[in-house]
């Protein structure tokens, strides 16, 4: 059963870019992001964030989260320094309420 729009949590999309020696594996990135979110805010907060890796091409991508957890997700992403064995720096390019506008922020970087 779907909830009516007024009862659903609103999403926000975060466009980001990764600076690293080589491209990063999508699964390893998601694992590192979740591990960081859990270590900073605990399992309950991490899973309540509605965090999801929407798109990723090895260098840049989009994640989504619930609006209420946006700051926590952005903090966890900013503090990431490793994905697997790779040293990384993650840069937030912008935040949007729609994935379409978030994709435009990625196009500007390309």
Protein backbone atom coordinates (compact mmCIF):
# COMPACT_ATOMS: atom_id res chain seq x y z
CA UNK A 1 0.00 0.00 0.00
CA UNK A 2 1.39 3.39 -1.01
CA UNK A 3 1.16 6.31 1.36
CA UNK A 4 -0.43 9.55 0.14
CA UNK A 5 2.09 12.25 -0.82
CA UNK A 6 1.36 14.26 2.31
CA UNK A 7 2.49 11.35 4.53
CA UNK A 8 5.60 10.34 2.56
CA UNK A 9 8.98 11.69 3.51
CA UNK A 10 10.39 14.12 0.95
CA UNK A 11 13.63 13.18 -0.79
CA UNK A 12 16.66 15.23 -1.63
CA UNK A 13 19.26 14.34 -4.23
CA UNK A 14 22.95 15.09 -3.76
CA UNK A 15 25.31 15.33 -6.75
CA UNK A 16 28.92 14.50 -5.92
CA UNK A 17 32.33 13.96 -7.47
CA UNK A 18 35.10 11.69 -6.23
CA UNK A 19 38.75 12.62 -6.51
CA UNK A 20 40.98 9.54 -6.49
CA UNK A 21 43.87 7.87 -8.31
CA UNK A 22 41.55 5.49 -10.18
CA UNK A 23 37.84 4.95 -10.63
CA UNK A 24 35.90 3.58 -7.69
CA UNK A 25 33.72 0.46 -7.59
CA UNK A 26 30.02 1.25 -7.03
CA UNK A 27 29.50 -1.47 -4.42
CA UNK A 28 32.61 -0.46 -2.47
CA UNK A 29 31.45 3.17 -2.54
CA UNK A 30 28.01 2.31 -1.15
CA UNK A 31 29.58 0.11 1.54
CA UNK A 32 31.98 2.88 2.56
CA UNK A 33 29.19 5.48 2.68
CA UNK A 34 26.95 3.27 4.82
CA UNK A 35 29.82 2.30 7.11
CA UNK A 36 30.64 5.98 7.64
CA UNK A 37 26.99 6.91 8.23
CA UNK A 38 26.61 4.08 10.77
CA UNK A 39 29.85 4.92 12.60
CA UNK A 40 28.87 8.59 12.92
CA UNK A 41 25.15 8.32 13.74
CA UNK A 42 24.40 4.69 14.63
CA UNK A 43 22.49 1.98 12.81
CA UNK A 44 19.00 3.30 13.51
CA UNK A 45 19.72 6.80 12.21
CA UNK A 46 21.64 5.42 9.22
CA UNK A 47 18.82 3.16 8.08
CA UNK A 48 16.14 5.78 8.80
CA UNK A 49 17.99 8.18 6.49
CA UNK A 50 16.60 6.45 3.39
CA UNK A 51 20.07 6.65 1.87
CA UNK A 52 20.36 5.28 -1.67
CA UNK A 53 23.03 5.46 -4.37
CA UNK A 54 20.93 6.46 -7.40
CA UNK A 55 23.64 6.74 -10.08
CA UNK A 56 27.40 6.34 -10.21
CA UNK A 57 29.89 6.15 -13.09
CA UNK A 58 33.15 5.59 -11.23
CA UNK A 59 33.92 9.29 -10.73
CA UNK A 60 30.65 11.12 -10.10
CA UNK A 61 27.14 10.27 -9.07
CA UNK A 62 23.92 11.02 -7.23
CA UNK A 63 22.67 9.80 -3.86
CA UNK A 64 19.25 10.34 -2.36
CA UNK A 65 18.11 10.60 1.24
CA UNK A 66 15.13 11.73 3.23
CA UNK A 67 14.98 15.48 3.72
CA UNK A 68 15.17 15.05 7.50
CA UNK A 69 18.50 13.21 7.20
CA UNK A 70 20.10 15.39 4.52
CA UNK A 71 22.62 17.06 6.84
CA UNK A 72 23.71 13.74 8.35
CA UNK A 73 24.19 12.14 4.94
CA UNK A 74 26.18 15.15 3.69
CA UNK A 75 28.40 15.08 6.80
CA UNK A 76 29.05 11.35 6.38
CA UNK A 77 29.89 11.83 2.69
CA UNK A 78 32.20 14.77 3.33
CA UNK A 79 34.15 12.89 6.01
CA UNK A 80 34.85 9.88 3.77
CA UNK A 81 38.54 9.36 3.06
CA UNK A 82 38.72 5.75 1.86
CA UNK A 83 36.73 3.51 -0.47
CA UNK A 84 38.08 0.00 -0.23
CA UNK A 85 41.86 0.47 -0.31
CA UNK A 86 41.65 3.68 -2.37
CA UNK A 87 42.23 7.11 -0.79
CA UNK A 88 39.44 9.44 -1.90
CA UNK A 89 38.07 12.93 -1.43
CA UNK A 90 34.37 13.43 -2.02
CA UNK A 91 33.10 16.83 -3.19
CA UNK A 92 29.43 17.78 -3.07
CA UNK A 93 28.38 19.54 -6.28
CA UNK A 94 24.84 20.43 -5.27
CA UNK A 95 21.57 19.40 -3.68
CA UNK A 96 18.20 19.30 -5.40
CA UNK A 97 14.63 18.18 -4.84
CA UNK A 98 14.51 16.43 -8.22
CA UNK A 99 16.89 13.98 -9.82
CA UNK A 100 16.55 15.80 -13.15
CA UNK A 101 18.00 19.04 -11.74
CA UNK A 102 20.69 17.06 -9.95
CA UNK A 103 21.76 15.48 -13.25
CA UNK A 104 22.15 19.00 -14.70
CA UNK A 105 24.60 19.81 -11.89
CA UNK A 106 26.64 16.75 -12.93
CA UNK A 107 26.62 17.84 -16.60
CA UNK A 108 28.20 21.17 -15.69
CA UNK A 109 31.17 19.31 -14.18
CA UNK A 110 31.69 16.96 -17.14
